[in-house]
Protein backbone atom coordinates (compact mmCIF):
# COMPACT_ATOMS: atom_id res chain seq x y z
CA UNK A 1 0.00 0.00 0.00
CA UNK A 2 1.35 3.44 -0.92
CA UNK A 3 2.11 5.79 1.94
CA UNK A 4 -0.67 8.23 1.06
CA UNK A 5 -3.23 5.41 1.10
CA UNK A 6 -1.89 4.10 4.39
CA UNK A 7 -2.24 7.54 5.98
CA UNK A 8 -5.80 7.83 4.71
CA UNK A 9 -6.60 4.38 6.09
CA UNK A 10 -5.17 5.28 9.49
CA UNK A 11 -7.08 8.60 9.49
CA UNK A 12 -10.27 6.68 8.89
CA UNK A 13 -9.38 4.12 11.57
CA UNK A 14 -8.67 6.80 14.19
CA UNK A 15 -11.51 9.11 13.19
CA UNK A 16 -14.04 8.12 15.87
CA UNK A 17 -11.45 8.45 18.60
CA UNK A 18 -10.40 11.88 17.36
CA UNK A 19 -14.06 12.99 17.32
CA UNK A 20 -14.19 11.89 20.96
CA UNK A 21 -11.09 14.00 21.70
CA UNK A 22 -12.64 17.03 20.04
CA UNK A 23 -15.94 16.68 21.89
CA UNK A 24 -14.13 16.24 25.19
CA UNK A 25 -12.19 19.46 24.62
CA UNK A 26 -15.31 21.28 23.45
CA UNK A 27 -17.32 20.33 26.53
CA UNK A 28 -14.51 21.30 28.92
CA UNK A 29 -13.02 24.56 27.59
CA UNK A 30 -10.44 26.55 29.52
CA UNK A 31 -9.39 30.17 29.06
CA UNK A 32 -5.90 31.38 28.17
CA UNK A 33 -3.18 30.29 30.61
CA UNK A 34 -5.75 28.21 32.49
CA UNK A 35 -5.54 25.10 30.26
CA UNK A 36 -4.46 22.78 33.09
CA UNK A 37 -7.05 20.02 32.64
CA UNK A 38 -6.70 20.30 28.87
CA UNK A 39 -2.96 19.75 29.21
CA UNK A 40 -3.51 16.79 31.54
CA UNK A 41 -5.79 15.17 28.97
CA UNK A 42 -3.28 15.70 26.15
CA UNK A 43 -0.44 14.35 28.26
CA UNK A 44 -2.43 11.27 29.21
CA UNK A 45 -3.22 10.49 25.58
CA UNK A 46 0.38 10.99 24.48
CA UNK A 47 1.45 8.71 27.31
CA UNK A 48 -0.99 6.03 26.20
CA UNK A 49 0.49 6.23 22.70
CA UNK A 50 4.02 5.87 24.06
CA UNK A 51 5.06 9.28 22.71
CA UNK A 52 7.59 11.17 24.90
CA UNK A 53 6.72 14.73 25.83
CA UNK A 54 7.66 17.69 28.00
CA UNK A 55 4.86 19.41 29.94
CA UNK A 56 4.57 22.68 31.86
CA UNK A 57 6.13 24.79 29.12
CA UNK A 58 4.86 28.37 29.42
CA UNK A 59 2.71 27.05 32.29
CA UNK A 60 0.40 24.69 30.38
CA UNK A 61 2.09 23.98 27.05
CA UNK A 62 3.28 20.55 25.90
CA UNK A 63 5.90 19.58 23.33
CA UNK A 64 6.04 15.97 22.15
CA UNK A 65 8.55 14.22 19.90
CA UNK A 66 8.11 11.44 17.39
CA UNK A 67 11.42 10.13 16.12
CA UNK A 68 11.79 8.22 12.92
CA UNK A 69 14.96 6.75 11.48
CA UNK A 70 18.05 8.96 11.91
CA UNK A 71 16.20 11.39 14.24
CA UNK A 72 18.88 14.08 13.95
CA UNK A 73 18.71 14.34 10.17
CA UNK A 74 15.76 16.76 9.89
CA UNK A 75 12.97 18.19 12.00
CA UNK A 76 9.43 19.39 11.26
CA UNK A 77 7.24 21.10 13.87
CA UNK A 78 3.43 21.00 13.98
CA UNK A 79 1.39 23.32 16.19
CA UNK A 80 -2.07 23.30 17.78
CA UNK A 81 -3.40 26.00 20.13
CA UNK A 82 -5.30 25.11 23.29
CA UNK A 83 -7.29 28.00 24.78
CA UNK A 84 -10.99 28.84 24.60
CA UNK A 85 -12.83 32.18 24.57
CA UNK A 86 -15.01 33.99 27.15
CA UNK A 87 -18.22 33.34 25.16
CA UNK A 88 -21.39 31.64 26.43
CA UNK A 89 -22.32 28.86 24.01
CA UNK A 90 -25.83 28.96 22.52
CA UNK A 91 -25.61 25.70 20.57
CA UNK A 92 -27.75 22.73 21.65
CA UNK A 93 -25.35 19.97 20.63
CA UNK A 94 -24.79 17.20 23.15
CA UNK A 95 -21.12 18.13 23.51
CA UNK A 96 -21.79 21.85 24.14
CA UNK A 97 -19.65 23.64 26.72
CA UNK A 98 -20.31 22.61 30.30
CA UNK A 99 -18.53 25.74 31.55
CA UNK A 100 -20.81 28.82 31.63
CA UNK A 101 -19.33 31.76 29.79
CA UNK A 102 -16.45 29.78 28.25
CA UNK A 103 -16.49 28.20 24.80
CA UNK A 104 -14.22 26.81 22.12
CA UNK A 105 -15.58 29.32 19.62
CA UNK A 106 -12.43 29.49 17.49
CA UNK A 107 -11.85 25.81 16.78
CA UNK A 108 -8.88 25.15 19.04
CA UNK A 109 -10.63 22.01 20.25
CA UNK A 110 -10.47 20.72 16.67
CA UNK A 111 -6.81 21.74 16.38
CA UNK A 112 -5.80 19.75 19.47
CA UNK A 113 -7.87 16.72 18.51
CA UNK A 114 -6.52 16.76 14.96
CA UNK A 115 -2.91 16.99 16.16
CA UNK A 116 -3.45 14.07 18.54
CA UNK A 117 -4.76 12.11 15.55
CA UNK A 118 -1.70 13.15 13.56
CA UNK A 119 0.46 11.96 16.46
CA UNK A 120 -1.16 8.51 16.32
CA UNK A 121 -0.56 8.27 12.58
CA UNK A 122 3.06 9.39 12.75
CA UNK A 123 3.80 7.11 15.70
CA UNK A 124 2.37 4.18 13.74
CA UNK A 125 4.55 5.09 10.76
CA UNK A 126 7.75 5.98 12.64
CA UNK A 127 9.70 3.33 10.76
CA UNK A 128 8.65 4.93 7.46
CA UNK A 129 10.48 8.27 7.75
CA UNK A 130 13.77 9.85 8.71
CA UNK A 131 14.07 12.71 11.15
CA UNK A 132 11.92 14.04 13.98
CA UNK A 133 8.47 15.59 14.26
CA UNK A 134 7.80 17.95 17.16
CA UNK A 135 4.19 18.39 18.23
CA UNK A 136 3.59 21.77 19.86
CA UNK A 137 0.45 22.09 21.99
CA UNK A 138 0.46 25.81 22.70
CA UNK A 139 -1.54 27.76 25.30
CA UNK A 140 -2.96 31.27 25.13
CA UNK A 141 -3.24 32.09 21.44
CA UNK A 142 -6.15 34.43 22.15
CA UNK A 143 -4.46 36.74 24.69
CA UNK A 144 -1.38 38.96 24.59
CA UNK A 145 1.51 38.40 24.74
CA UNK A 146 0.54 35.13 23.05
CA UNK A 147 1.57 31.64 24.05
CA UNK A 148 3.78 31.33 20.98
CA UNK A 149 6.09 34.09 22.22
CA UNK A 150 6.21 32.53 25.69
CA UNK A 151 7.07 29.07 24.35
CA UNK A 152 9.76 30.50 22.09
CA UNK A 153 11.29 32.26 25.09
CA UNK A 154 11.66 28.83 26.69
CA UNK A 155 13.61 27.61 23.65
CA UNK A 156 11.24 24.84 22.58
CA UNK A 157 12.33 25.07 18.94
CA UNK A 158 16.07 25.52 19.36
CA UNK A 159 18.87 22.95 19.22
CA UNK A 160 17.84 21.90 16.67
CA UNK A 161 15.74 24.47 14.90
CA UNK A 162 12.93 23.10 12.73
CA UNK A 163 13.49 22.88 9.00
CA UNK A 164 9.79 23.69 8.59
CA UNK A 165 6.83 24.45 10.85
CA UNK A 166 3.13 24.13 10.03
CA UNK A 167 0.01 25.50 11.68
CA UNK A 168 -3.49 24.33 10.79
CA UNK A 169 -6.54 26.47 11.60
CA UNK A 170 -10.20 25.76 10.95
CA UNK A 171 -11.98 28.09 8.53
CA UNK A 172 -15.76 28.39 8.13
CA UNK A 173 -15.28 30.08 4.77
CA UNK A 174 -14.40 26.73 3.15
CA UNK A 175 -16.47 23.51 3.00
CA UNK A 176 -15.21 20.49 4.91
CA UNK A 177 -12.81 18.48 2.77
CA UNK A 178 -11.02 21.54 1.39
CA UNK A 179 -8.00 23.53 2.54
CA UNK A 180 -6.80 27.02 1.70
CA UNK A 181 -3.39 28.67 1.79
CA UNK A 182 -1.64 31.87 0.77
CA UNK A 183 2.06 32.39 0.09
CA UNK A 184 3.91 35.38 1.57
CA UNK A 185 2.19 37.88 3.82
CA UNK A 186 -1.06 36.40 5.02
CA UNK A 187 -2.31 37.77 8.37
CA UNK A 188 -1.91 41.23 9.86
CA UNK A 189 -0.01 42.50 12.85
CA UNK A 190 -2.32 43.66 15.61
CA UNK A 191 -1.97 46.40 18.22
CA UNK A 192 -4.46 47.67 20.79
CA UNK A 193 -4.92 51.43 20.97
CA UNK A 194 -6.05 53.10 24.21
CA UNK A 195 -6.72 56.85 24.21
CA UNK A 196 -7.91 59.00 27.11
CA UNK A 197 -9.26 62.40 26.07
CA UNK A 198 -9.24 64.87 28.96
CA UNK A 199 -11.38 67.97 29.26
CA UNK A 200 -13.36 69.79 31.91
CA UNK A 201 -16.77 68.42 32.76
CA UNK A 202 -19.85 70.19 33.96
CA UNK A 203 -23.53 70.85 33.30
CA UNK A 204 -24.52 70.08 29.72
CA UNK A 205 -26.66 73.25 29.66
CA UNK A 206 -23.56 75.44 30.15
CA UNK A 207 -21.10 74.16 27.53
CA UNK A 208 -19.26 77.49 27.49
CA UNK A 209 -17.97 76.72 30.98
CA UNK A 210 -16.66 73.28 30.02
CA UNK A 211 -14.07 71.70 27.76
CA UNK A 212 -16.15 68.93 26.27
CA UNK A 213 -14.14 65.69 25.92
CA UNK A 214 -17.03 64.01 24.07
CA UNK A 215 -16.76 66.47 21.20
CA UNK A 216 -12.96 66.32 21.29
CA UNK A 217 -13.02 62.51 21.22
CA UNK A 218 -15.31 62.61 18.20
CA UNK A 219 -12.83 64.80 16.34
CA UNK A 220 -9.95 62.55 17.41
CA UNK A 221 -11.68 59.46 15.95
CA UNK A 222 -12.37 61.25 12.66
CA UNK A 223 -8.86 62.70 12.43
CA UNK A 224 -7.25 59.32 13.06
CA UNK A 225 -9.06 57.81 10.07
CA UNK A 226 -6.85 59.97 7.87
CA UNK A 227 -3.82 57.98 9.00
CA UNK A 228 -5.21 55.14 6.90
CA UNK A 229 -6.68 57.18 4.04
CA UNK A 230 -3.93 59.79 3.67
CA UNK A 231 -0.76 58.41 5.31
CA UNK A 232 -0.72 54.71 4.45
CA UNK A 233 0.30 53.77 0.94
CA UNK A 234 -2.65 52.35 -1.01
CA UNK A 235 -0.51 49.25 -1.60
CA UNK A 236 -0.25 48.41 2.12
CA UNK A 237 -3.47 47.11 3.70
CA UNK A 238 -4.09 48.98 6.95
CA UNK A 239 -6.97 49.10 9.42
CA UNK A 240 -7.56 51.46 12.34
CA UNK A 241 -10.91 50.83 14.03
CA UNK A 242 -12.39 51.89 17.34
CA UNK A 243 -14.82 49.51 18.99
CA UNK A 244 -15.31 51.17 22.37
CA UNK A 245 -16.00 54.76 23.39
CA UNK A 246 -16.80 55.43 27.02
CA UNK A 247 -17.61 58.69 28.80
CA UNK A 248 -19.15 58.45 32.27
CA UNK A 249 -21.53 61.35 31.89
CA UNK A 250 -25.30 61.69 31.77
CA UNK A 251 -27.82 63.26 29.42
CA UNK A 252 -27.22 66.57 31.23
CA UNK A 253 -23.67 65.97 32.51
CA UNK A 254 -20.50 66.38 30.46
CA UNK A 255 -17.77 64.09 31.83
CA UNK A 256 -14.19 65.08 32.56
CA UNK A 257 -12.75 62.48 30.22
CA UNK A 258 -13.64 60.03 27.47
CA UNK A 259 -11.84 56.77 26.75
CA UNK A 260 -11.38 55.31 23.27
CA UNK A 261 -10.28 51.73 22.58
CA UNK A 262 -9.43 50.32 19.19
CA UNK A 263 -7.15 48.20 17.05
CA UNK A 264 -4.45 48.97 14.50
CA UNK A 265 -3.44 46.32 11.93
CA UNK A 266 -1.07 46.22 8.98
CA UNK A 267 1.60 44.13 7.18
CA UNK A 268 4.82 46.14 7.39
CA UNK A 269 6.95 46.75 10.49
CA UNK A 270 8.43 50.06 9.33
CA UNK A 271 5.01 51.48 8.51
CA UNK A 272 3.68 50.06 11.78
CA UNK A 273 6.19 52.16 13.76
CA UNK A 274 5.45 55.31 11.75
CA UNK A 275 1.71 54.79 12.20
CA UNK A 276 2.08 54.45 15.97
CA UNK A 277 3.85 57.81 16.03
CA UNK A 278 1.17 59.42 13.84
CA UNK A 279 -1.61 58.07 16.05
CA UNK A 280 0.01 59.60 19.12
CA UNK A 281 0.77 62.94 17.50
CA UNK A 282 -2.61 63.34 15.82
CA UNK A 283 -4.63 62.48 18.93
CA UNK A 284 -2.63 64.84 21.16
CA UNK A 285 -2.57 67.73 18.65
CA UNK A 286 -6.34 67.54 18.03
CA UNK A 287 -7.13 67.41 21.75
CA UNK A 288 -4.79 70.23 22.64
CA UNK A 289 -6.00 72.32 19.71
CA UNK A 290 -9.52 72.13 21.15
CA UNK A 291 -8.45 73.10 24.65
CA UNK A 292 -8.12 69.65 26.16
CA UNK A 293 -5.41 67.06 26.44
CA UNK A 294 -4.86 63.44 25.51
CA UNK A 295 -2.98 60.36 26.66
CA UNK A 296 -2.23 57.55 24.18
CA UNK A 297 -1.09 54.03 25.01
CA UNK A 298 -0.47 51.51 22.21
CA UNK A 299 -0.16 47.93 23.40
CA UNK A 300 2.04 46.26 20.81
CA UNK A 301 0.59 42.89 19.84
CA UNK A 302 1.41 40.11 17.39
CA UNK A 303 3.59 40.73 14.32
CA UNK A 304 2.26 40.03 10.84
CA UNK A 305 2.24 36.41 9.72
CA UNK A 306 4.23 35.45 6.64
CA UNK A 307 4.21 32.08 4.88
CA UNK A 308 7.63 31.29 3.45
CA UNK A 309 7.15 31.09 -0.29
CA UNK A 310 9.14 27.96 -1.14
CA UNK A 311 7.70 26.03 1.79
CA UNK A 312 4.17 27.16 0.94
CA UNK A 313 4.66 26.09 -2.67
CA UNK A 314 5.68 22.66 -1.44
CA UNK A 315 2.73 22.54 0.97
CA UNK A 316 0.34 23.28 -1.89
CA UNK A 317 1.89 20.44 -3.89
CA UNK A 318 1.65 18.04 -0.93
CA UNK A 319 -1.97 19.03 -0.31
CA UNK A 320 -2.90 18.47 -3.95
CA UNK A 321 -1.27 15.03 -3.81
CA UNK A 322 -3.35 14.16 -0.74
CA UNK A 323 -6.67 15.91 -1.46
CA UNK A 324 -6.74 16.60 -5.19
CA UNK A 325 -6.40 19.89 -7.07
CA UNK A 326 -10.09 20.75 -6.64
CA UNK A 327 -9.79 20.73 -2.84
CA UNK A 328 -6.88 23.15 -2.48
CA UNK A 329 -7.74 26.84 -2.77
CA UNK A 330 -5.86 30.13 -2.69
CA UNK A 331 -6.74 32.59 0.07
CA UNK A 332 -6.83 36.38 0.19
CA UNK A 333 -4.99 38.55 2.69
CA UNK A 334 -6.62 38.54 6.12
CA UNK A 335 -6.72 41.47 8.54
CA UNK A 336 -7.23 39.07 11.43
CA UNK A 337 -4.20 38.16 13.53
CA UNK A 338 -2.56 35.03 14.90
CA UNK A 339 0.28 34.51 17.33
CA UNK A 340 1.64 31.81 14.99
CA UNK A 341 3.17 34.94 13.45
CA UNK A 342 5.92 34.78 16.10
CA UNK A 343 7.03 31.43 14.69
CA UNK A 344 6.82 32.82 11.16
CA UNK A 345 9.26 35.58 12.07
CA UNK A 346 11.81 33.01 13.25
CA UNK A 347 11.46 29.92 11.03
CA UNK A 348 10.23 28.81 7.63
CA UNK A 349 6.52 28.35 8.30
CA UNK A 350 3.23 27.67 6.55
CA UNK A 351 -0.07 28.49 8.22
CA UNK A 352 -3.02 27.09 6.34
CA UNK A 353 -6.79 26.79 6.68
CA UNK A 354 -8.92 23.68 7.09
CA UNK A 355 -12.47 23.89 5.73
CA UNK A 356 -15.22 23.05 8.24
CA UNK A 357 -18.39 24.48 6.64
CA UNK A 358 -21.44 22.31 5.92
CA UNK A 359 -24.50 24.24 4.72
CA UNK A 360 -26.72 21.15 4.66
CA UNK A 361 -26.02 20.50 8.34
CA UNK A 362 -26.46 24.19 9.22
CA UNK A 363 -22.80 24.56 10.17
CA UNK A 364 -22.19 28.08 8.89
CA UNK A 365 -21.52 30.27 11.95
CA UNK A 366 -18.37 32.34 12.01
CA UNK A 367 -15.61 31.97 14.56
CA UNK A 368 -15.88 33.87 17.85
CA UNK A 369 -19.67 33.49 17.84
CA UNK A 370 -21.85 31.65 20.36
CA UNK A 371 -23.17 29.19 17.74
CA UNK A 372 -19.83 28.23 16.18
CA UNK A 373 -19.38 24.54 15.34
CA UNK A 374 -17.56 22.39 12.79
CA UNK A 375 -18.36 19.59 10.39
CA UNK A 376 -16.40 16.93 12.22
CA UNK A 377 -15.54 15.11 9.00
CA UNK A 378 -12.88 17.82 8.69
CA UNK A 379 -10.97 16.11 11.50
CA UNK A 380 -10.23 13.14 9.27
CA UNK A 381 -8.97 15.49 6.57
CA UNK A 382 -6.97 17.55 9.04
CA UNK A 383 -5.09 14.79 10.84
CA UNK A 384 -4.25 12.92 7.66
CA UNK A 385 -3.12 15.97 5.72
CA UNK A 386 -0.87 17.18 8.53
CA UNK A 387 0.76 13.74 8.81
CA UNK A 388 1.22 13.54 5.04
CA UNK A 389 2.74 17.03 4.82
CA UNK A 390 5.15 16.31 7.70
CA UNK A 391 6.34 13.07 6.10
CA UNK A 392 6.68 14.64 2.65
CA UNK A 393 8.76 17.43 4.14
CA UNK A 394 11.01 15.02 5.99
CA UNK A 395 11.29 13.00 2.80
CA UNK A 396 12.42 16.10 0.94
CA UNK A 397 15.30 16.52 3.42
CA UNK A 398 16.90 13.14 2.68
């Protein structure tokens, strides 16, 4: 039996167990840096498989190793994130979250389950490849500073460095059975912007006696939009959006200050730095020009994610071999962010998308929503494809 057929057979054989893994994770979600029981479950399953691992990395992270022939000859790393979101699940499925206000609404339950399935496949085929596969179960993708940065600080991918690293993420924009990928820049950097506009509050009926921070904040928001429309090059995608404006006044009370909270995203580090400066200068100048003042704090988040072009070309070829040309699609740039970007700034990486949509089953909700779910047939695709890609990459290093 050819290797690709053997992997598909093993994926089918392990499918029911991997569905069980996914449903277990989904029913017992844990927030960022609180993934203790999740880590215990992963460790127990790896132990049952006879796969060595190190636990407690960046608090709750786990790194496992599957060694083939000549383990020092090459190394591929595979990553799955572990944390859930502070969302109360509205779905009525039998495996819905048992933890009020916490839900795997981004698909990390599927990522962990799929990687455990991949581990079973690779362990079964360890006499069929040369080199080593590292399995990275990473905490806290959803919260700054990001579990990826914390795990890298602990040196999990040094001595030796991986020749290639892959991340797989579910995607409701594609039907189950398909994958999508983009070469080069793919996902944006992300920063959080916090602005406090200061004025002088008072009675709303006597505005001449006040310095109205509500009006100033409105002008600040409008002025900052010009950073995108008149400072960013049209060839560099950039977003500056404000999602929260808060002034603790009343219908007849002007507050002393107004707080603005937003996000800045782009794909170029030099422009990112210039934009931060422009945000600060513009906000302060507008506020001071209207008689108030302004404080700006920019919490620097994840860098932009880049897929190394040669590796991504090979991934696309591997995926076509495994799934067929019709099931491998090209993706557009995404203004969303991912802490896998930290790996992409250090190693040759490819971050790709696994289709999970099924219109007939009503599985169409977007990520980060209370009704998010997946077509679980995608788990069979995901675990098999990741195993196939890892083995093809190790094969290419011979």
